[in-house]
Amino acid sequence: MGENNLAEEAGIVDDMVYGLAVSPGFAQDGTCFAARGTGLFRSEDGGRSWHNAYAALNLTSPLLTTTVALSPDYLQDGTLFAGSVGGMLRSTDAGWSWQVFSLPTPPPLVSALGVSPHFAQDGLVLAGTLEDGVLRSTNRGSHWVAWNFSLIDFHVLCLAFSPNYGDDETILIGTESGLFRSTNGGRSWSQLNFPTEFAPVLSLAFSPAYKTDEMLFAGTEAQGLAISRNGGETWERLGEDLPEEAINQIILSPLYPQKPMILLALTTGLVLSDDDGKTWTAWKSNPAFEAGITCLLAPQGLTEGASLLVGLADGQVLRV
C-alpha cells in the first residue's frame, strides 16, 4: 500500500474516506482508524501505513463502512464501533476481532456515530442514519432501538455530545433541514431555531467551555459557518469572507475561547482563524486536497508543528 493511500493496494479509485477516529493515546500509540467504502482500516504509526481492520472477519467482498467511533475509555476497554448499511460492528479488543449486530428494519444507512462521554457508566451509543433518524443503544451496542420522539427530520448528517454531558445530557444532531437538540440523553428531541436558509448542517462543534460560554458551531453545506452564543437559541453567520463551500469538519482549539483558534475542513482545502472567526487563511495547503476533503482530525491540537489527518474522496488519508 502506498504511503497514506488506502486505495492503492486494492486498485480502487474514488473510494471515499467517510470518517476518521484516533486513540486517546495517539501521541504514544499512533493508533487511528479510517472508515472507507471498502471497509475499515487501521494504522499504528500515526497514519503513515494502514492495514485491513476487518481481516478477522474473512469477508468475501468489501464492506462499506460509513463511520467509526472509539470509546472515551478505549485505552482501558479497547472498544470501538463501525457503522454500515443495516448493521453495526463492535470490537472490544482494539479492532482485532468483531461482533456484528443487525439494526432495525428496513436496513438503515448509518451516517454518524457518537459514544457517550460516560460510556463506562451508561453504555450509551447513538447512531444517526440517513433516512431513519436516530438509533440508540444503552447496552454498549448490543441492541439498538429507534428514538425519534419529536424528531421531524430523519435525515441525520452529524451528531455531537456536550462536553458537560454528565451534567446536562445534551446532544445535538444536524439534519437536512436544520438542528435538533436532546437534553435527556437522546430519548427525545426538540428543533432549534436554526435559520432554514443555512441548512443542511454537515458538521457540529461544542465549545470546550460550553458550560460557561454556551457557544455552538454548525458547518453548513453552502452557507458557511454558523455560531450560537446562547446554547442554540439564536444563530448568526461567522466569517463572511469564507468560501461558499461545504464545511465538512470543525475543530476548535482545546483551549478555546482563551485561544480562539478554529480550523475548518472545506471541500477543497483547510482554513484557519486565530481571531475567533474574524479572518481566515489557508492552512497546510496540499495539491492532493483537490480530490475533495471529506473528514479531518487534529490528534495533537492546533499547534503549528502538529500533524493533521485528512481524509479524501479518492481514498487517501494524508498526514500533513
Protein backbone atom coordinates (compact mmCIF):
# COMPACT_ATOMS: atom_id res chain seq x y z
CA MET A 1 0.00 0.00 0.00
CA GLY A 2 1.41 3.37 -0.98
CA GLU A 3 2.09 5.65 1.93
CA ASN A 4 -1.09 7.38 3.11
CA ASN A 5 -3.02 5.92 0.13
CA LEU A 6 -5.64 3.43 1.22
CA ALA A 7 -6.96 2.80 -2.27
CA GLU A 8 -3.71 1.91 -3.99
CA GLU A 9 -3.31 -1.67 -2.78
CA ALA A 10 -6.90 -2.60 -3.63
CA GLY A 11 -6.62 -0.99 -7.05
CA ILE A 12 -9.67 1.13 -6.32
CA VAL A 13 -10.12 4.79 -7.13
CA ASP A 14 -12.79 7.21 -5.94
CA ASP A 15 -13.14 5.17 -2.75
CA MET A 16 -14.23 7.77 -0.26
CA VAL A 17 -12.92 8.10 3.28
CA TYR A 18 -16.12 8.62 5.26
CA GLY A 19 -14.70 9.05 8.74
CA LEU A 20 -11.60 9.05 10.93
CA ALA A 21 -11.02 8.26 14.60
CA VAL A 22 -7.92 8.22 16.78
CA SER A 23 -6.91 6.60 20.03
CA PRO A 24 -6.95 8.86 23.11
CA GLY A 25 -3.32 7.77 23.45
CA PHE A 26 -2.43 8.72 19.88
CA ALA A 27 0.72 10.59 20.93
CA GLN A 28 2.09 7.34 22.36
CA ASP A 29 0.46 4.54 20.33
CA GLY A 30 -0.15 6.25 16.96
CA THR A 31 -3.40 4.31 16.52
CA CYS A 32 -6.05 5.61 14.16
CA PHE A 33 -8.88 4.21 12.05
CA ALA A 34 -10.32 5.18 8.66
CA ALA A 35 -13.84 4.22 7.54
CA ARG A 36 -13.94 3.74 3.78
CA GLY A 37 -16.12 2.45 1.01
CA THR A 38 -14.17 -0.80 1.12
CA GLY A 39 -14.07 -1.32 4.87
CA LEU A 40 -12.27 -0.16 7.99
CA PHE A 41 -8.52 0.40 8.00
CA ARG A 42 -6.16 0.72 10.93
CA SER A 43 -2.82 2.46 11.37
CA GLU A 44 -0.44 2.02 14.30
CA ASP A 45 2.14 4.55 13.14
CA GLY A 46 0.15 7.74 13.12
CA GLY A 47 -1.37 7.31 9.65
CA ARG A 48 1.80 6.54 7.72
CA SER A 49 0.76 2.98 6.80
CA TRP A 50 -2.53 1.09 7.01
CA HIS A 51 -3.95 -2.43 7.13
CA ASN A 52 -7.40 -4.02 6.93
CA ALA A 53 -9.04 -3.91 10.37
CA TYR A 54 -11.68 -6.43 9.23
CA ALA A 55 -9.15 -9.16 8.39
CA ALA A 56 -10.51 -11.48 11.11
CA LEU A 57 -13.99 -11.39 9.53
CA ASN A 58 -12.72 -13.14 6.36
CA LEU A 59 -15.12 -11.14 4.21
CA THR A 60 -15.68 -12.26 0.63
CA SER A 61 -16.45 -8.72 -0.57
CA PRO A 62 -15.69 -5.21 0.70
CA LEU A 63 -17.92 -3.88 3.46
CA LEU A 64 -18.95 -0.27 3.04
CA THR A 65 -18.08 1.46 6.31
CA THR A 66 -19.51 4.93 6.70
CA THR A 67 -18.42 5.96 10.20
CA VAL A 68 -16.20 4.92 13.09
CA ALA A 69 -16.10 5.98 16.75
CA LEU A 70 -13.99 4.97 19.75
CA SER A 71 -14.96 4.65 23.38
CA PRO A 72 -13.59 7.52 25.51
CA ASP A 73 -12.09 4.70 27.62
CA TYR A 74 -10.53 3.00 24.59
CA LEU A 75 -7.15 2.63 26.29
CA GLN A 76 -8.82 0.58 29.04
CA ASP A 77 -11.72 -1.18 27.26
CA GLY A 78 -10.45 -1.38 23.65
CA THR A 79 -13.98 -0.64 22.39
CA LEU A 80 -14.81 0.88 19.02
CA PHE A 81 -17.81 0.91 16.71
CA ALA A 82 -18.16 0.99 12.93
CA GLY A 83 -21.37 1.67 11.03
CA SER A 84 -22.52 0.27 7.70
CA VAL A 85 -25.79 -0.43 5.87
CA GLY A 86 -28.19 -2.24 8.16
CA GLY A 87 -25.52 -3.23 10.64
CA MET A 88 -23.23 -2.11 13.43
CA LEU A 89 -19.86 -3.65 14.19
CA ARG A 90 -18.27 -3.62 17.62
CA SER A 91 -14.80 -4.57 18.74
CA THR A 92 -13.73 -4.82 22.35
CA ASP A 93 -10.10 -5.66 21.62
CA ALA A 94 -8.96 -2.56 19.77
CA GLY A 95 -10.18 -3.71 16.37
CA TRP A 96 -8.60 -7.16 16.13
CA SER A 97 -11.91 -9.08 16.29
CA TRP A 98 -15.51 -8.04 15.72
CA GLN A 99 -19.13 -8.70 16.57
CA VAL A 100 -21.79 -7.74 14.04
CA PHE A 101 -25.24 -6.54 15.16
CA SER A 102 -28.24 -6.09 12.90
CA LEU A 103 -30.12 -2.81 13.05
CA PRO A 104 -33.92 -2.43 12.94
CA THR A 105 -35.51 -2.96 9.53
CA PRO A 106 -35.69 -1.53 6.95
CA PRO A 107 -31.87 -1.59 6.90
CA PRO A 108 -30.69 1.97 7.65
CA LEU A 109 -27.51 3.56 6.37
CA VAL A 110 -25.52 4.75 9.39
CA SER A 111 -24.26 8.28 8.77
CA ALA A 112 -22.91 9.33 12.19
CA LEU A 113 -21.84 7.72 15.46
CA GLY A 114 -21.42 9.12 18.94
CA VAL A 115 -20.26 7.41 22.14
CA SER A 116 -21.29 8.85 25.49
CA PRO A 117 -18.53 10.62 27.41
CA HIS A 118 -19.75 8.46 30.35
CA PHE A 119 -19.75 5.23 28.34
CA ALA A 120 -18.19 3.22 31.18
CA GLN A 121 -21.21 4.01 33.34
CA ASP A 122 -24.15 4.32 30.90
CA GLY A 123 -23.08 2.16 27.92
CA LEU A 124 -24.77 4.70 25.62
CA VAL A 125 -24.07 4.86 21.88
CA LEU A 126 -26.07 6.87 19.33
CA ALA A 127 -26.21 6.26 15.59
CA GLY A 128 -27.57 8.79 13.12
CA THR A 129 -28.99 7.41 9.87
CA LEU A 130 -29.75 8.95 6.50
CA GLU A 131 -33.48 8.14 6.44
CA ASP A 132 -34.42 6.55 9.76
CA GLY A 133 -33.45 9.16 12.32
CA VAL A 134 -31.56 8.23 15.48
CA LEU A 135 -30.85 4.76 16.83
CA ARG A 136 -29.94 4.39 20.48
CA SER A 137 -28.17 1.65 22.42
CA THR A 138 -27.82 1.58 26.19
CA ASN A 139 -26.01 -1.75 26.41
CA ARG A 140 -22.73 -0.93 24.71
CA GLY A 141 -24.03 -1.50 21.17
CA SER A 142 -25.56 -4.97 21.58
CA HIS A 143 -29.14 -3.83 20.90
CA TRP A 144 -30.44 -0.79 19.02
CA VAL A 145 -33.81 0.99 19.15
CA ALA A 146 -35.08 3.98 17.17
CA TRP A 147 -35.50 7.05 19.42
CA ASN A 148 -37.16 9.74 17.29
CA PHE A 149 -39.69 11.29 19.66
CA SER A 150 -40.38 14.86 18.36
CA LEU A 151 -37.74 14.48 15.62
CA ILE A 152 -39.29 15.71 12.37
CA ASP A 153 -36.30 15.29 10.06
CA PHE A 154 -34.95 11.72 9.91
CA HIS A 155 -32.06 12.57 7.56
CA VAL A 156 -29.24 12.83 10.12
CA LEU A 157 -25.88 14.09 8.85
CA CYS A 158 -23.86 14.63 12.04
CA LEU A 159 -24.11 14.47 15.82
CA ALA A 160 -22.16 15.71 18.83
CA PHE A 161 -22.21 15.22 22.61
CA SER A 162 -21.88 18.15 25.01
CA PRO A 163 -18.51 18.30 26.81
CA ASN A 164 -20.60 18.56 30.00
CA TYR A 165 -22.81 15.61 29.11
CA GLY A 166 -22.61 14.20 32.63
CA ASP A 167 -24.45 17.29 33.91
CA ASP A 168 -26.64 18.43 31.01
CA GLU A 169 -27.23 15.20 28.97
CA THR A 170 -27.17 17.39 25.85
CA ILE A 171 -26.71 16.02 22.34
CA LEU A 172 -27.01 17.86 19.02
CA ILE A 173 -27.81 16.41 15.61
CA GLY A 174 -27.53 18.16 12.26
CA THR A 175 -30.01 17.26 9.54
CA GLU A 176 -31.07 18.27 6.04
CA SER A 177 -33.43 20.88 7.49
CA GLY A 178 -31.50 22.21 10.49
CA LEU A 179 -30.62 21.33 14.07
CA PHE A 180 -32.22 19.28 16.83
CA ARG A 181 -31.26 19.01 20.49
CA SER A 182 -31.83 16.45 23.20
CA THR A 183 -31.36 17.29 26.85
CA ASN A 184 -32.19 13.80 28.14
CA GLY A 185 -29.53 11.65 26.52
CA GLY A 186 -31.25 11.17 23.16
CA ARG A 187 -34.63 10.00 24.45
CA SER A 188 -36.47 12.96 22.90
CA TRP A 189 -35.64 15.85 20.57
CA SER A 190 -36.57 19.48 20.02
CA GLN A 191 -35.92 21.61 16.96
CA LEU A 192 -33.63 24.58 17.44
CA ASN A 193 -34.30 28.00 15.96
CA PHE A 194 -31.73 27.48 13.22
CA PRO A 195 -32.21 29.60 10.07
CA THR A 196 -33.71 27.34 7.41
CA GLU A 197 -31.66 29.07 4.72
CA PHE A 198 -28.47 27.86 6.43
CA ALA A 199 -29.37 24.14 6.26
CA PRO A 200 -28.28 21.36 5.63
CA VAL A 201 -25.89 21.02 8.59
CA LEU A 202 -22.84 18.84 7.86
CA SER A 203 -20.70 19.33 10.97
CA LEU A 204 -21.03 20.40 14.61
CA ALA A 205 -18.81 21.51 17.47
CA PHE A 206 -19.39 22.47 21.08
CA SER A 207 -17.07 24.99 22.68
CA PRO A 208 -14.82 23.18 25.20
CA ALA A 209 -16.09 25.81 27.66
CA TYR A 210 -19.74 25.28 26.70
CA LYS A 211 -20.85 25.13 30.34
CA THR A 212 -19.95 28.80 30.78
CA ASP A 213 -19.90 30.32 27.28
CA GLU A 214 -22.80 28.33 25.66
CA MET A 215 -21.11 28.55 22.25
CA LEU A 216 -22.03 26.16 19.43
CA PHE A 217 -20.77 25.93 15.86
CA ALA A 218 -22.53 24.45 12.82
CA GLY A 219 -20.89 23.88 9.44
CA THR A 220 -23.32 24.12 6.54
CA GLU A 221 -23.38 22.81 3.00
CA ALA A 222 -23.34 26.16 1.24
CA GLN A 223 -23.90 28.96 3.79
CA GLY A 224 -20.61 28.92 5.67
CA LEU A 225 -20.15 28.65 9.43
CA ALA A 226 -22.95 29.43 11.87
CA ILE A 227 -22.39 30.27 15.53
CA SER A 228 -24.68 30.44 18.55
CA ARG A 229 -23.60 32.24 21.70
CA ASN A 230 -26.60 31.20 23.78
CA GLY A 231 -26.83 27.44 23.61
CA GLY A 232 -28.56 27.30 20.23
CA GLU A 233 -31.38 29.79 20.79
CA THR A 234 -30.15 32.23 18.12
CA TRP A 235 -27.62 31.90 15.30
CA GLU A 236 -25.53 34.12 13.08
CA ARG A 237 -23.11 33.57 10.24
CA LEU A 238 -19.44 33.76 11.20
CA GLY A 239 -16.75 34.78 8.71
CA GLU A 240 -18.28 36.49 5.73
CA ASP A 241 -15.06 36.01 3.77
CA LEU A 242 -15.22 32.21 3.93
CA PRO A 243 -15.52 30.45 0.55
CA GLU A 244 -19.02 29.22 -0.24
CA GLU A 245 -18.12 25.56 0.17
CA ALA A 246 -19.35 22.69 2.29
CA ILE A 247 -17.84 22.67 5.78
CA ASN A 248 -17.21 19.00 6.47
CA GLN A 249 -15.43 19.35 9.82
CA ILE A 250 -14.98 21.92 12.59
CA ILE A 251 -12.07 21.70 15.02
CA LEU A 252 -11.64 24.12 17.90
CA SER A 253 -8.55 24.68 19.98
CA PRO A 254 -8.77 22.66 23.23
CA LEU A 255 -8.13 26.00 24.97
CA TYR A 256 -10.99 27.79 23.21
CA PRO A 257 -12.10 30.53 23.84
CA GLN A 258 -8.92 31.65 25.62
CA LYS A 259 -7.07 30.57 22.49
CA PRO A 260 -9.69 31.37 19.82
CA MET A 261 -8.45 29.10 17.01
CA ILE A 262 -10.94 27.45 14.64
CA LEU A 263 -9.95 25.05 11.87
CA LEU A 264 -12.39 24.14 9.11
CA ALA A 265 -12.26 21.38 6.52
CA LEU A 266 -13.79 22.76 3.35
CA THR A 267 -14.22 20.58 0.29
CA THR A 268 -11.08 21.87 -1.40
CA GLY A 269 -8.87 23.00 1.47
CA LEU A 270 -8.30 23.80 5.13
CA VAL A 271 -8.82 27.28 6.54
CA LEU A 272 -7.74 28.55 9.95
CA SER A 273 -8.80 31.50 12.05
CA ASP A 274 -6.82 32.56 15.11
CA ASP A 275 -9.10 35.51 15.93
CA ASP A 276 -12.40 33.74 16.62
CA GLY A 277 -13.56 33.69 13.02
CA LYS A 278 -12.98 37.32 12.09
CA THR A 279 -10.38 36.44 9.44
CA TRP A 280 -9.40 33.20 7.71
CA THR A 281 -6.27 31.93 5.96
CA ALA A 282 -5.46 28.75 4.06
CA TRP A 283 -3.57 26.23 6.23
CA LYS A 284 -1.30 23.33 5.32
CA SER A 285 -2.20 23.53 1.64
CA ASN A 286 -1.65 20.37 -0.40
CA PRO A 287 -2.31 19.66 -4.10
CA ALA A 288 -3.96 16.37 -3.10
CA PHE A 289 -6.79 18.33 -1.47
CA GLU A 290 -8.19 18.85 -4.96
CA ALA A 291 -9.59 15.31 -4.72
CA GLY A 292 -12.04 16.65 -2.12
CA ILE A 293 -11.67 16.70 1.65
CA THR A 294 -14.25 14.58 3.45
CA CYS A 295 -13.04 14.50 7.07
CA LEU A 296 -10.32 15.84 9.33
CA LEU A 297 -8.71 15.17 12.69
CA ALA A 298 -6.14 17.11 14.72
CA PRO A 299 -4.93 14.45 17.18
CA GLN A 300 -2.32 16.73 18.76
CA GLY A 301 -4.22 20.00 18.69
CA LEU A 302 -3.89 23.10 16.53
CA THR A 303 -0.23 23.91 17.05
CA GLU A 304 1.87 24.82 14.05
CA GLY A 305 4.09 21.74 14.22
CA ALA A 306 1.34 19.19 14.92
CA SER A 307 0.24 16.78 12.21
CA LEU A 308 -3.29 16.55 10.87
CA LEU A 309 -5.06 13.55 9.36
CA VAL A 310 -7.08 14.46 6.29
CA GLY A 311 -9.49 12.04 4.61
CA LEU A 312 -10.15 12.48 0.91
CA ALA A 313 -12.85 11.44 -1.54
CA ASP A 314 -10.37 9.37 -3.56
CA GLY A 315 -9.48 7.05 -0.68
CA GLN A 316 -6.36 8.74 0.60
CA VAL A 317 -5.63 9.64 4.19
CA LEU A 318 -2.98 12.31 4.28
CA ARG A 319 -0.78 13.11 7.25
CA VAL A 320 0.04 16.79 6.80
